[in-house]
Amino acid sequence: MSERKPLSSYWQPKYWPIWIGMALLRLVCLLPHRAVLATGRVIGRIAHATGGTRRAIVRRNIELCFPEMTAEERDALAYEHFKALGISLMELGLGRWASTRHLQSITQLNGVEHVQDALASGKGVILLSAHFTTLEVMGRVLAAAVPPFDAVFRKNRSEFMTELQRSGREISAANTIEKREIKKMIRSLRNNRAVWYAPDQSYNRKGAEVITFFGVPSMHTTATSTLARLGNAVAIPFFPMRNADGTYTNTLYPPLEDVPSKDVVADTKKYVALLENHVRKCPEQYFWIHRKFKDLPDGYPDYYSDLDALK
């Protein structure tokens, strides 16, 4: 990784729109919680109306995963997803600026004993999460309940946006680790630490296998099993949910049974099964805007080749 620069070094005019957006977000986060969420929903509605290709990607993913739904039901779910995306922008601000007391007051955290017990036994812990729209806010309450943990992040094309994301996660995490820095993750796990990791998005075929997601072929990284084996760690699924009343429920499940094993695909399927189950509980909150079913090997369909009809 290149040497990091403080946020104050990104003062050039090309960054001013982002700074203005951050200032507006800071002001919105001073409002009552329901007003903050309502603002996010408005932004989500605008994004849905102007989304074009992104709206089509969401609709295609939902069409693939929920074929039992009618076209009207799928369109309604896509609309709710964009509202959840708008709220997630507000939650990015809450994750950075809200007080721990406020976030604890609106969050129910279940299963924290699974992390505490694993760490007490000398194991490392993989906090096995996924890309839900509540991703950036859910770590704050967890950080107040468990020993310091590290968080994995993915570099953005923009150095400034990478630093914004990384510094935001460092409000919760003791250290941040770029997703390709596997040795650092293993080192943290071997040192009896927890590492927050969301392996549900695969950006290339390296280290990934075709595993169905809602019955549809999808590339899934199998690194969780390898990390657990080399890091002397257990994998504890950690999934969030934004409730209808604006509160949150974050649930830590017991460690995945018999993970790691000698079969990395079987290990990964256990995680995917739990992920599917949680997505069904709050389908609008999963990150459908990502091309979940891309980069498949030759012989599989290109699910995103004909999106124009869904725009």
C-alpha atoms as a PDB file:
ATOM      1  CA  MET A   1       0.000   0.000   0.000  1.00  0.00           C
ATOM      2  CA  SER A   2       1.203   3.527  -0.771  1.00  0.00           C
ATOM      3  CA  GLU A   3       1.764   5.949   2.078  1.00  0.00           C
ATOM      4  CA  ARG A   4      -1.464   7.441   3.323  1.00  0.00           C
ATOM      5  CA  LYS A   5      -2.227  11.137   3.157  1.00  0.00           C
ATOM      6  CA  PRO A   6      -4.447  13.053   5.603  1.00  0.00           C
ATOM      7  CA  LEU A   7      -7.860  14.116   4.352  1.00  0.00           C
ATOM      8  CA  SER A   8      -6.767  17.752   4.649  1.00  0.00           C
ATOM      9  CA  SER A   9      -4.328  17.211   1.761  1.00  0.00           C
ATOM     10  CA  TYR A  10      -7.239  16.779  -0.671  1.00  0.00           C
ATOM     11  CA  TRP A  11      -7.961  20.499  -0.928  1.00  0.00           C
ATOM     12  CA  GLN A  12      -7.789  20.963  -4.716  1.00  0.00           C
ATOM     13  CA  PRO A  13     -10.921  22.269  -6.514  1.00  0.00           C
ATOM     14  CA  LYS A  14     -11.673  18.875  -8.076  1.00  0.00           C
ATOM     15  CA  TYR A  15     -12.430  17.574  -4.572  1.00  0.00           C
ATOM     16  CA  TRP A  16     -14.681  20.491  -3.568  1.00  0.00           C
ATOM     17  CA  PRO A  17     -17.957  18.830  -4.670  1.00  0.00           C
ATOM     18  CA  ILE A  18     -17.185  15.885  -2.383  1.00  0.00           C
ATOM     19  CA  TRP A  19     -16.311  18.205   0.507  1.00  0.00           C
ATOM     20  CA  ILE A  20     -19.567  20.106  -0.033  1.00  0.00           C
ATOM     21  CA  GLY A  21     -21.462  16.813  -0.050  1.00  0.00           C
ATOM     22  CA  MET A  22     -19.760  15.757   3.185  1.00  0.00           C
ATOM     23  CA  ALA A  23     -20.647  19.100   4.795  1.00  0.00           C
ATOM     24  CA  LEU A  24     -24.307  18.703   3.814  1.00  0.00           C
ATOM     25  CA  LEU A  25     -24.272  15.129   5.111  1.00  0.00           C
ATOM     26  CA  ARG A  26     -22.835  16.348   8.400  1.00  0.00           C
ATOM     27  CA  LEU A  27     -25.676  18.846   8.739  1.00  0.00           C
ATOM     28  CA  VAL A  28     -28.337  16.230   7.940  1.00  0.00           C
ATOM     29  CA  CYS A  29     -26.898  13.927  10.600  1.00  0.00           C
ATOM     30  CA  LEU A  30     -27.664  16.582  13.217  1.00  0.00           C
ATOM     31  CA  LEU A  31     -31.398  16.078  12.580  1.00  0.00           C
ATOM     32  CA  PRO A  32     -33.553  13.616  14.554  1.00  0.00           C
ATOM     33  CA  HIS A  33     -32.969  10.034  13.445  1.00  0.00           C
ATOM     34  CA  ARG A  34     -36.291   9.652  11.620  1.00  0.00           C
ATOM     35  CA  ALA A  35     -35.586  12.829   9.662  1.00  0.00           C
ATOM     36  CA  VAL A  36     -32.135  11.543   8.720  1.00  0.00           C
ATOM     37  CA  LEU A  37     -33.670   8.338   7.333  1.00  0.00           C
ATOM     38  CA  ALA A  38     -36.413  10.268   5.544  1.00  0.00           C
ATOM     39  CA  THR A  39     -33.775  12.394   3.819  1.00  0.00           C
ATOM     40  CA  GLY A  40     -32.071   9.220   2.680  1.00  0.00           C
ATOM     41  CA  ARG A  41     -35.300   7.866   1.227  1.00  0.00           C
ATOM     42  CA  VAL A  42     -35.771  11.051  -0.823  1.00  0.00           C
ATOM     43  CA  ILE A  43     -32.263  10.721  -2.221  1.00  0.00           C
ATOM     44  CA  GLY A  44     -32.991   7.068  -3.010  1.00  0.00           C
ATOM     45  CA  ARG A  45     -36.168   7.976  -4.908  1.00  0.00           C
ATOM     46  CA  ILE A  46     -34.203  10.475  -7.002  1.00  0.00           C
ATOM     47  CA  ALA A  47     -31.517   7.865  -7.697  1.00  0.00           C
ATOM     48  CA  HIS A  48     -34.198   5.375  -8.759  1.00  0.00           C
ATOM     49  CA  ALA A  49     -35.757   7.883 -11.142  1.00  0.00           C
ATOM     50  CA  THR A  50     -32.431   8.803 -12.744  1.00  0.00           C
ATOM     51  CA  GLY A  51     -30.559   5.521 -12.315  1.00  0.00           C
ATOM     52  CA  GLY A  52     -30.786   4.117 -15.837  1.00  0.00           C
ATOM     53  CA  THR A  53     -28.245   1.313 -16.061  1.00  0.00           C
ATOM     54  CA  ARG A  54     -27.927   0.960 -12.283  1.00  0.00           C
ATOM     55  CA  ARG A  55     -31.694   0.543 -11.984  1.00  0.00           C
ATOM     56  CA  ALA A  56     -31.532  -2.122 -14.683  1.00  0.00           C
ATOM     57  CA  ILE A  57     -28.778  -4.019 -12.826  1.00  0.00           C
ATOM     58  CA  VAL A  58     -30.861  -4.031  -9.656  1.00  0.00           C
ATOM     59  CA  ARG A  59     -33.919  -5.255 -11.543  1.00  0.00           C
ATOM     60  CA  ARG A  60     -31.927  -8.015 -13.272  1.00  0.00           C
ATOM     61  CA  ASN A  61     -30.426  -9.267  -9.994  1.00  0.00           C
ATOM     62  CA  ILE A  62     -33.842  -9.345  -8.344  1.00  0.00           C
ATOM     63  CA  GLU A  63     -35.351 -11.051 -11.398  1.00  0.00           C
ATOM     64  CA  LEU A  64     -32.705 -13.783 -11.198  1.00  0.00           C
ATOM     65  CA  CYS A  65     -32.947 -14.333  -7.442  1.00  0.00           C
ATOM     66  CA  PHE A  66     -36.716 -14.064  -7.016  1.00  0.00           C
ATOM     67  CA  PRO A  67     -38.310 -15.604 -10.125  1.00  0.00           C
ATOM     68  CA  GLU A  68     -41.409 -16.422  -8.090  1.00  0.00           C
ATOM     69  CA  MET A  69     -42.237 -12.715  -7.827  1.00  0.00           C
ATOM     70  CA  THR A  70     -44.437 -10.933 -10.320  1.00  0.00           C
ATOM     71  CA  ALA A  71     -42.925  -8.152 -12.417  1.00  0.00           C
ATOM     72  CA  GLU A  72     -44.765  -5.610 -10.275  1.00  0.00           C
ATOM     73  CA  GLU A  73     -43.390  -7.125  -7.068  1.00  0.00           C
ATOM     74  CA  ARG A  74     -39.843  -7.096  -8.442  1.00  0.00           C
ATOM     75  CA  ASP A  75     -40.138  -3.460  -9.518  1.00  0.00           C
ATOM     76  CA  ALA A  76     -41.468  -2.562  -6.065  1.00  0.00           C
ATOM     77  CA  LEU A  77     -38.527  -4.332  -4.420  1.00  0.00           C
ATOM     78  CA  ALA A  78     -36.094  -2.479  -6.693  1.00  0.00           C
ATOM     79  CA  TYR A  79     -37.722   0.807  -5.683  1.00  0.00           C
ATOM     80  CA  GLU A  80     -37.370  -0.074  -1.993  1.00  0.00           C
ATOM     81  CA  HIS A  81     -33.742  -1.006  -2.598  1.00  0.00           C
ATOM     82  CA  PHE A  82     -32.951   2.448  -3.949  1.00  0.00           C
ATOM     83  CA  LYS A  83     -34.531   3.988  -0.878  1.00  0.00           C
ATOM     84  CA  ALA A  84     -32.325   1.717   1.243  1.00  0.00           C
ATOM     85  CA  LEU A  85     -29.309   2.896  -0.767  1.00  0.00           C
ATOM     86  CA  GLY A  86     -30.230   6.505  -0.034  1.00  0.00           C
ATOM     87  CA  ILE A  87     -30.491   5.702   3.645  1.00  0.00           C
ATOM     88  CA  SER A  88     -27.096   3.988   3.498  1.00  0.00           C
ATOM     89  CA  LEU A  89     -25.560   7.296   2.461  1.00  0.00           C
ATOM     90  CA  MET A  90     -27.002   8.880   5.591  1.00  0.00           C
ATOM     91  CA  GLU A  91     -25.734   5.944   7.649  1.00  0.00           C
ATOM     92  CA  LEU A  92     -22.253   6.537   6.292  1.00  0.00           C
ATOM     93  CA  GLY A  93     -22.477   9.883   8.051  1.00  0.00           C
ATOM     94  CA  LEU A  94     -23.940   8.371  11.210  1.00  0.00           C
ATOM     95  CA  GLY A  95     -21.124   5.828  11.282  1.00  0.00           C
ATOM     96  CA  ARG A  96     -18.606   8.667  11.181  1.00  0.00           C
ATOM     97  CA  TRP A  97     -20.218  11.292  13.425  1.00  0.00           C
ATOM     98  CA  ALA A  98     -23.030   9.864  15.594  1.00  0.00           C
ATOM     99  CA  SER A  99     -22.307   9.229  19.248  1.00  0.00           C
ATOM    100  CA  THR A 100     -21.862   5.660  20.414  1.00  0.00           C
ATOM    101  CA  ARG A 101     -24.612   6.219  22.973  1.00  0.00           C
ATOM    102  CA  HIS A 102     -27.079   7.219  20.248  1.00  0.00           C
ATOM    103  CA  LEU A 103     -26.235   4.238  18.058  1.00  0.00           C
ATOM    104  CA  GLN A 104     -26.479   1.849  21.004  1.00  0.00           C
ATOM    105  CA  SER A 105     -29.904   3.267  21.865  1.00  0.00           C
ATOM    106  CA  ILE A 106     -31.292   2.330  18.436  1.00  0.00           C
ATOM    107  CA  THR A 107     -29.468  -0.994  17.962  1.00  0.00           C
ATOM    108  CA  GLN A 108     -30.047  -4.457  19.340  1.00  0.00           C
ATOM    109  CA  LEU A 109     -26.842  -6.504  19.222  1.00  0.00           C
ATOM    110  CA  ASN A 110     -27.311 -10.266  19.537  1.00  0.00           C
ATOM    111  CA  GLY A 111     -24.746 -13.031  19.940  1.00  0.00           C
ATOM    112  CA  VAL A 112     -21.714 -10.988  21.001  1.00  0.00           C
ATOM    113  CA  GLU A 113     -20.800 -13.833  23.365  1.00  0.00           C
ATOM    114  CA  HIS A 114     -19.742 -15.926  20.361  1.00  0.00           C
ATOM    115  CA  VAL A 115     -16.917 -13.485  19.623  1.00  0.00           C
ATOM    116  CA  GLN A 116     -15.935 -13.098  23.251  1.00  0.00           C
ATOM    117  CA  ASP A 117     -15.818 -16.874  23.796  1.00  0.00           C
ATOM    118  CA  ALA A 118     -13.718 -17.505  20.675  1.00  0.00           C
ATOM    119  CA  LEU A 119     -11.186 -14.816  21.550  1.00  0.00           C
ATOM    120  CA  ALA A 120     -11.007 -16.038  25.151  1.00  0.00           C
ATOM    121  CA  SER A 121     -10.146 -19.514  23.854  1.00  0.00           C
ATOM    122  CA  GLY A 122      -7.158 -18.111  21.949  1.00  0.00           C
ATOM    123  CA  LYS A 123      -8.718 -18.245  18.490  1.00  0.00           C
ATOM    124  CA  GLY A 124      -8.785 -15.505  15.932  1.00  0.00           C
ATOM    125  CA  VAL A 125     -12.241 -14.469  14.718  1.00  0.00           C
ATOM    126  CA  ILE A 126     -13.376 -13.745  11.175  1.00  0.00           C
ATOM    127  CA  LEU A 127     -16.388 -11.454  11.508  1.00  0.00           C
ATOM    128  CA  LEU A 128     -18.014 -12.803   8.387  1.00  0.00           C
ATOM    129  CA  SER A 129     -20.337 -10.141   7.034  1.00  0.00           C
ATOM    130  CA  ALA A 130     -21.755  -9.185   3.625  1.00  0.00           C
ATOM    131  CA  HIS A 131     -22.592  -6.093   1.610  1.00  0.00           C
ATOM    132  CA  PHE A 132     -25.836  -4.841   3.052  1.00  0.00           C
ATOM    133  CA  THR A 133     -26.761  -1.173   2.861  1.00  0.00           C
ATOM    134  CA  THR A 134     -26.227  -0.867   6.629  1.00  0.00           C
ATOM    135  CA  LEU A 135     -22.559  -1.878   6.263  1.00  0.00           C
ATOM    136  CA  GLU A 136     -20.984   1.426   7.290  1.00  0.00           C
ATOM    137  CA  VAL A 137     -22.982   1.974  10.468  1.00  0.00           C
ATOM    138  CA  MET A 138     -23.151  -1.499  11.976  1.00  0.00           C
ATOM    139  CA  GLY A 139     -19.558  -1.664  13.184  1.00  0.00           C
ATOM    140  CA  ARG A 140     -19.852   1.150  15.702  1.00  0.00           C
ATOM    141  CA  VAL A 141     -22.023  -0.721  18.208  1.00  0.00           C
ATOM    142  CA  LEU A 142     -19.984  -3.882  17.750  1.00  0.00           C
ATOM    143  CA  ALA A 143     -16.780  -1.960  18.499  1.00  0.00           C
ATOM    144  CA  ALA A 144     -18.201  -0.933  21.867  1.00  0.00           C
ATOM    145  CA  ALA A 145     -19.033  -4.534  22.778  1.00  0.00           C
ATOM    146  CA  VAL A 146     -15.976  -6.572  21.766  1.00  0.00           C
ATOM    147  CA  PRO A 147     -12.186  -6.183  21.921  1.00  0.00           C
ATOM    148  CA  PRO A 148     -10.603  -4.067  19.147  1.00  0.00           C
ATOM    149  CA  PHE A 149     -10.942  -5.593  15.699  1.00  0.00           C
ATOM    150  CA  ASP A 150      -9.518  -4.924  12.241  1.00  0.00           C
ATOM    151  CA  ALA A 151     -11.608  -4.224   9.128  1.00  0.00           C
ATOM    152  CA  VAL A 152     -11.021  -5.137   5.513  1.00  0.00           C
ATOM    153  CA  PHE A 153     -11.647  -2.515   2.812  1.00  0.00           C
ATOM    154  CA  ARG A 154     -11.455  -2.327  -0.975  1.00  0.00           C
ATOM    155  CA  LYS A 155      -9.574   0.435  -2.731  1.00  0.00           C
ATOM    156  CA  ASN A 156     -11.661   2.875  -4.765  1.00  0.00           C
ATOM    157  CA  ARG A 157     -10.484   4.248  -8.087  1.00  0.00           C
ATOM    158  CA  SER A 158     -10.279   7.616  -6.351  1.00  0.00           C
ATOM    159  CA  GLU A 159      -7.542   7.924  -3.747  1.00  0.00           C
ATOM    160  CA  PHE A 160      -9.654  10.505  -1.900  1.00  0.00           C
ATOM    161  CA  MET A 161     -12.733   8.259  -1.780  1.00  0.00           C
ATOM    162  CA  THR A 162     -10.556   5.383  -0.569  1.00  0.00           C
ATOM    163  CA  GLU A 163      -9.274   7.514   2.285  1.00  0.00           C
ATOM    164  CA  LEU A 164     -12.801   8.696   3.155  1.00  0.00           C
ATOM    165  CA  GLN A 165     -14.024   5.106   3.334  1.00  0.00           C
ATOM    166  CA  ARG A 166     -10.970   3.895   5.212  1.00  0.00           C
ATOM    167  CA  SER A 167     -10.951   6.685   7.778  1.00  0.00           C
ATOM    168  CA  GLY A 168     -14.674   6.179   8.321  1.00  0.00           C
ATOM    169  CA  ARG A 169     -14.192   2.507   9.107  1.00  0.00           C
ATOM    170  CA  GLU A 170     -11.388   3.385  11.478  1.00  0.00           C
ATOM    171  CA  ILE A 171     -13.970   5.018  13.740  1.00  0.00           C
ATOM    172  CA  SER A 172     -14.965   1.421  14.545  1.00  0.00           C
ATOM    173  CA  ALA A 173     -11.894  -0.614  13.678  1.00  0.00           C
ATOM    174  CA  ALA A 174      -8.462  -0.467  15.256  1.00  0.00           C
ATOM    175  CA  ASN A 175      -6.779  -1.089  11.895  1.00  0.00           C
ATOM    176  CA  THR A 176      -7.862  -1.332   8.254  1.00  0.00           C
ATOM    177  CA  ILE A 177      -6.493  -3.918   5.825  1.00  0.00           C
ATOM    178  CA  GLU A 178      -6.807  -3.767   2.030  1.00  0.00           C
ATOM    179  CA  LYS A 179      -8.626  -6.861   0.740  1.00  0.00           C
ATOM    180  CA  ARG A 180      -5.587  -8.151  -1.187  1.00  0.00           C
ATOM    181  CA  GLU A 181      -3.328  -8.016   1.883  1.00  0.00           C
ATOM    182  CA  ILE A 182      -4.024 -11.592   2.906  1.00  0.00           C
ATOM    183  CA  LYS A 183      -0.827 -11.904   4.956  1.00  0.00           C
ATOM    184  CA  LYS A 184      -1.902  -8.994   7.167  1.00  0.00           C
ATOM    185  CA  MET A 185      -5.280 -10.602   7.769  1.00  0.00           C
ATOM    186  CA  ILE A 186      -3.634 -13.896   8.731  1.00  0.00           C
ATOM    187  CA  ARG A 187      -1.209 -12.090  11.033  1.00  0.00           C
ATOM    188  CA  SER A 188      -4.065 -10.348  12.847  1.00  0.00           C
ATOM    189  CA  LEU A 189      -5.976 -13.621  13.246  1.00  0.00           C
ATOM    190  CA  ARG A 190      -2.912 -15.430  14.564  1.00  0.00           C
ATOM    191  CA  ASN A 191      -2.503 -12.629  17.093  1.00  0.00           C
ATOM    192  CA  ASN A 192      -5.900 -13.543  18.572  1.00  0.00           C
ATOM    193  CA  ARG A 193      -7.743 -10.647  16.975  1.00  0.00           C
ATOM    194  CA  ALA A 194     -11.011 -10.306  15.104  1.00  0.00           C
ATOM    195  CA  VAL A 195     -11.096  -9.262  11.434  1.00  0.00           C
ATOM    196  CA  TRP A 196     -14.260  -7.847   9.871  1.00  0.00           C
ATOM    197  CA  TYR A 197     -14.550  -9.349   6.383  1.00  0.00           C
ATOM    198  CA  ALA A 198     -17.296  -9.292   3.719  1.00  0.00           C
ATOM    199  CA  PRO A 199     -16.464 -11.927   1.049  1.00  0.00           C
ATOM    200  CA  ASP A 200     -19.742 -11.946  -0.894  1.00  0.00           C
ATOM    201  CA  GLN A 201     -18.431  -9.893  -3.824  1.00  0.00           C
ATOM    202  CA  SER A 202     -15.872 -11.440  -6.188  1.00  0.00           C
ATOM    203  CA  TYR A 203     -14.121  -9.070  -8.585  1.00  0.00           C
ATOM    204  CA  ASN A 204     -12.210 -11.694 -10.566  1.00  0.00           C
ATOM    205  CA  ARG A 205     -11.943 -15.456 -10.860  1.00  0.00           C
ATOM    206  CA  LYS A 206      -8.711 -15.806  -8.882  1.00  0.00           C
ATOM    207  CA  GLY A 207      -9.360 -17.610  -5.613  1.00  0.00           C
ATOM    208  CA  ALA A 208     -13.058 -17.976  -6.460  1.00  0.00           C
ATOM    209  CA  GLU A 209     -15.380 -20.812  -7.400  1.00  0.00           C
ATOM    210  CA  VAL A 210     -18.798 -21.013  -9.051  1.00  0.00           C
ATOM    211  CA  ILE A 211     -21.342 -21.447  -6.256  1.00  0.00           C
ATOM    212  CA  THR A 212     -25.042 -20.817  -6.745  1.00  0.00           C
ATOM    213  CA  PHE A 213     -26.633 -17.819  -5.044  1.00  0.00           C
ATOM    214  CA  PHE A 214     -30.434 -18.141  -4.939  1.00  0.00           C
ATOM    215  CA  GLY A 215     -29.980 -20.930  -7.484  1.00  0.00           C
ATOM    216  CA  VAL A 216     -28.019 -18.756  -9.928  1.00  0.00           C
ATOM    217  CA  PRO A 217     -24.336 -19.457 -10.746  1.00  0.00           C
ATOM    218  CA  SER A 218     -22.120 -16.834  -9.119  1.00  0.00           C
ATOM    219  CA  MET A 219     -18.423 -16.400  -8.438  1.00  0.00           C
ATOM    220  CA  HIS A 220     -17.660 -16.624  -4.714  1.00  0.00           C
ATOM    221  CA  THR A 221     -14.274 -16.162  -3.132  1.00  0.00           C
ATOM    222  CA  THR A 222     -13.231 -19.139  -1.037  1.00  0.00           C
ATOM    223  CA  ALA A 223     -10.676 -17.156   0.986  1.00  0.00           C
ATOM    224  CA  THR A 224     -12.641 -17.435   4.230  1.00  0.00           C
ATOM    225  CA  SER A 225     -11.747 -21.090   4.614  1.00  0.00           C
ATOM    226  CA  THR A 226      -8.073 -20.400   3.887  1.00  0.00           C
ATOM    227  CA  LEU A 227      -7.962 -17.474   6.308  1.00  0.00           C
ATOM    228  CA  ALA A 228      -9.523 -19.579   9.048  1.00  0.00           C
ATOM    229  CA  ARG A 229      -7.045 -22.414   8.490  1.00  0.00           C
ATOM    230  CA  LEU A 230      -3.897 -20.289   8.269  1.00  0.00           C
ATOM    231  CA  GLY A 231      -5.018 -17.824  10.933  1.00  0.00           C
ATOM    232  CA  ASN A 232      -6.136 -20.417  13.519  1.00  0.00           C
ATOM    233  CA  ALA A 233      -9.516 -18.750  13.470  1.00  0.00           C
ATOM    234  CA  VAL A 234     -13.235 -19.412  13.544  1.00  0.00           C
ATOM    235  CA  ALA A 235     -15.720 -17.780  11.154  1.00  0.00           C
ATOM    236  CA  ILE A 236     -18.601 -16.020  12.909  1.00  0.00           C
ATOM    237  CA  PRO A 237     -21.335 -14.735  10.549  1.00  0.00           C
ATOM    238  CA  PHE A 238     -22.373 -11.162  11.332  1.00  0.00           C
ATOM    239  CA  PHE A 239     -25.452  -9.767   9.571  1.00  0.00           C
ATOM    240  CA  PRO A 240     -27.310  -6.459  10.082  1.00  0.00           C
ATOM    241  CA  MET A 241     -30.908  -5.446   9.534  1.00  0.00           C
ATOM    242  CA  ARG A 242     -32.599  -2.061   9.504  1.00  0.00           C
ATOM    243  CA  ASN A 243     -36.027  -2.451  11.085  1.00  0.00           C
ATOM    244  CA  ALA A 244     -39.210  -0.794   9.863  1.00  0.00           C
ATOM    245  CA  ASP A 245     -39.167   1.651  12.794  1.00  0.00           C
ATOM    246  CA  GLY A 246     -35.664   2.895  11.938  1.00  0.00           C
ATOM    247  CA  THR A 247     -33.868   0.871  14.598  1.00  0.00           C
ATOM    248  CA  TYR A 248     -31.304  -1.829  13.868  1.00  0.00           C
ATOM    249  CA  THR A 249     -30.751  -5.470  14.738  1.00  0.00           C
ATOM    250  CA  ASN A 250     -27.226  -6.834  14.342  1.00  0.00           C
ATOM    251  CA  THR A 251     -26.869 -10.564  14.854  1.00  0.00           C
ATOM    252  CA  LEU A 252     -23.701 -12.580  15.427  1.00  0.00           C
ATOM    253  CA  TYR A 253     -24.291 -16.270  14.786  1.00  0.00           C
ATOM    254  CA  PRO A 254     -22.358 -19.206  16.281  1.00  0.00           C
ATOM    255  CA  PRO A 255     -19.120 -20.082  14.461  1.00  0.00           C
ATOM    256  CA  LEU A 256     -19.629 -21.975  11.214  1.00  0.00           C
ATOM    257  CA  GLU A 257     -19.457 -25.647  12.100  1.00  0.00           C
ATOM    258  CA  ASP A 258     -16.405 -27.592  10.840  1.00  0.00           C
ATOM    259  CA  VAL A 259     -14.916 -24.517   9.153  1.00  0.00           C
ATOM    260  CA  PRO A 260     -12.173 -24.663   8.063  1.00  0.00           C
ATOM    261  CA  SER A 261     -12.324 -28.100   6.476  1.00  0.00           C
ATOM    262  CA  LYS A 262     -10.410 -29.634   3.589  1.00  0.00           C
ATOM    263  CA  ASP A 263     -13.233 -28.639   1.218  1.00  0.00           C
ATOM    264  CA  VAL A 264     -13.131 -24.867   0.672  1.00  0.00           C
ATOM    265  CA  VAL A 265     -16.207 -24.954  -1.561  1.00  0.00           C
ATOM    266  CA  ALA A 266     -18.280 -26.754   1.083  1.00  0.00           C
ATOM    267  CA  ASP A 267     -17.077 -24.215   3.653  1.00  0.00           C
ATOM    268  CA  THR A 268     -18.113 -21.326   1.408  1.00  0.00           C
ATOM    269  CA  LYS A 269     -21.524 -22.875   0.738  1.00  0.00           C
ATOM    270  CA  LYS A 270     -22.264 -22.791   4.479  1.00  0.00           C
ATOM    271  CA  TYR A 271     -21.698 -19.039   4.492  1.00  0.00           C
ATOM    272  CA  VAL A 272     -23.747 -18.528   1.321  1.00  0.00           C
ATOM    273  CA  ALA A 273     -26.676 -20.490   2.782  1.00  0.00           C
ATOM    274  CA  LEU A 274     -26.739 -18.248   5.863  1.00  0.00           C
ATOM    275  CA  LEU A 275     -26.418 -15.174   3.662  1.00  0.00           C
ATOM    276  CA  GLU A 276     -29.372 -16.215   1.510  1.00  0.00           C
ATOM    277  CA  ASN A 277     -31.460 -16.778   4.614  1.00  0.00           C
ATOM    278  CA  HIS A 278     -30.684 -13.297   5.895  1.00  0.00           C
ATOM    279  CA  VAL A 279     -31.307 -11.650   2.530  1.00  0.00           C
ATOM    280  CA  ARG A 280     -34.819 -13.124   2.573  1.00  0.00           C
ATOM    281  CA  LYS A 281     -35.456 -11.341   5.890  1.00  0.00           C
ATOM    282  CA  CYS A 282     -34.624  -7.901   4.448  1.00  0.00           C
ATOM    283  CA  PRO A 283     -34.292  -8.274   0.656  1.00  0.00           C
ATOM    284  CA  GLU A 284     -34.358  -4.545  -0.048  1.00  0.00           C
ATOM    285  CA  GLN A 285     -31.222  -4.057   2.061  1.00  0.00           C
ATOM    286  CA  TYR A 286     -28.844  -6.349   0.167  1.00  0.00           C
ATOM    287  CA  PHE A 287     -26.485  -4.657  -2.285  1.00  0.00           C
ATOM    288  CA  TRP A 288     -28.302  -5.504  -5.525  1.00  0.00           C
ATOM    289  CA  ILE A 289     -26.702  -2.590  -7.377  1.00  0.00           C
ATOM    290  CA  HIS A 290     -23.517  -4.676  -7.701  1.00  0.00           C
ATOM    291  CA  ARG A 291     -23.197  -7.028 -10.714  1.00  0.00           C
ATOM    292  CA  LYS A 292     -23.372 -10.095  -8.518  1.00  0.00           C
ATOM    293  CA  PHE A 293     -23.372 -12.609 -11.398  1.00  0.00           C
ATOM    294  CA  LYS A 294     -20.533 -11.274 -13.553  1.00  0.00           C
ATOM    295  CA  ASP A 295     -17.095 -12.756 -14.413  1.00  0.00           C
ATOM    296  CA  LEU A 296     -18.395 -16.296 -14.797  1.00  0.00           C
ATOM    297  CA  PRO A 297     -16.242 -18.774 -16.769  1.00  0.00           C
ATOM    298  CA  ASP A 298     -16.868 -19.483 -20.434  1.00  0.00           C
ATOM    299  CA  GLY A 299     -20.048 -21.449 -21.040  1.00  0.00           C
ATOM    300  CA  TYR A 300     -22.144 -19.532 -18.511  1.00  0.00           C
ATOM    301  CA  PRO A 301     -24.658 -16.867 -19.545  1.00  0.00           C
ATOM    302  CA  ASP A 302     -23.822 -13.158 -19.543  1.00  0.00           C
ATOM    303  CA  TYR A 303     -26.646 -12.001 -17.327  1.00  0.00           C
ATOM    304  CA  TYR A 304     -26.011  -8.307 -17.976  1.00  0.00           C
ATOM    305  CA  SER A 305     -25.826  -8.248 -21.778  1.00  0.00           C
ATOM    306  CA  ASP A 306     -29.430  -7.149 -22.344  1.00  0.00           C
ATOM    307  CA  LEU A 307     -30.244  -4.522 -19.725  1.00  0.00           C
ATOM    308  CA  ASP A 308     -31.893  -1.927 -21.980  1.00  0.00           C
ATOM    309  CA  ALA A 309     -35.379  -3.355 -21.527  1.00  0.00           C
ATOM    310  CA  LEU A 310     -35.053  -3.025 -17.752  1.00  0.00           C
ATOM    311  CA  LYS A 311     -33.983   0.625 -17.624  1.00  0.00           C
END
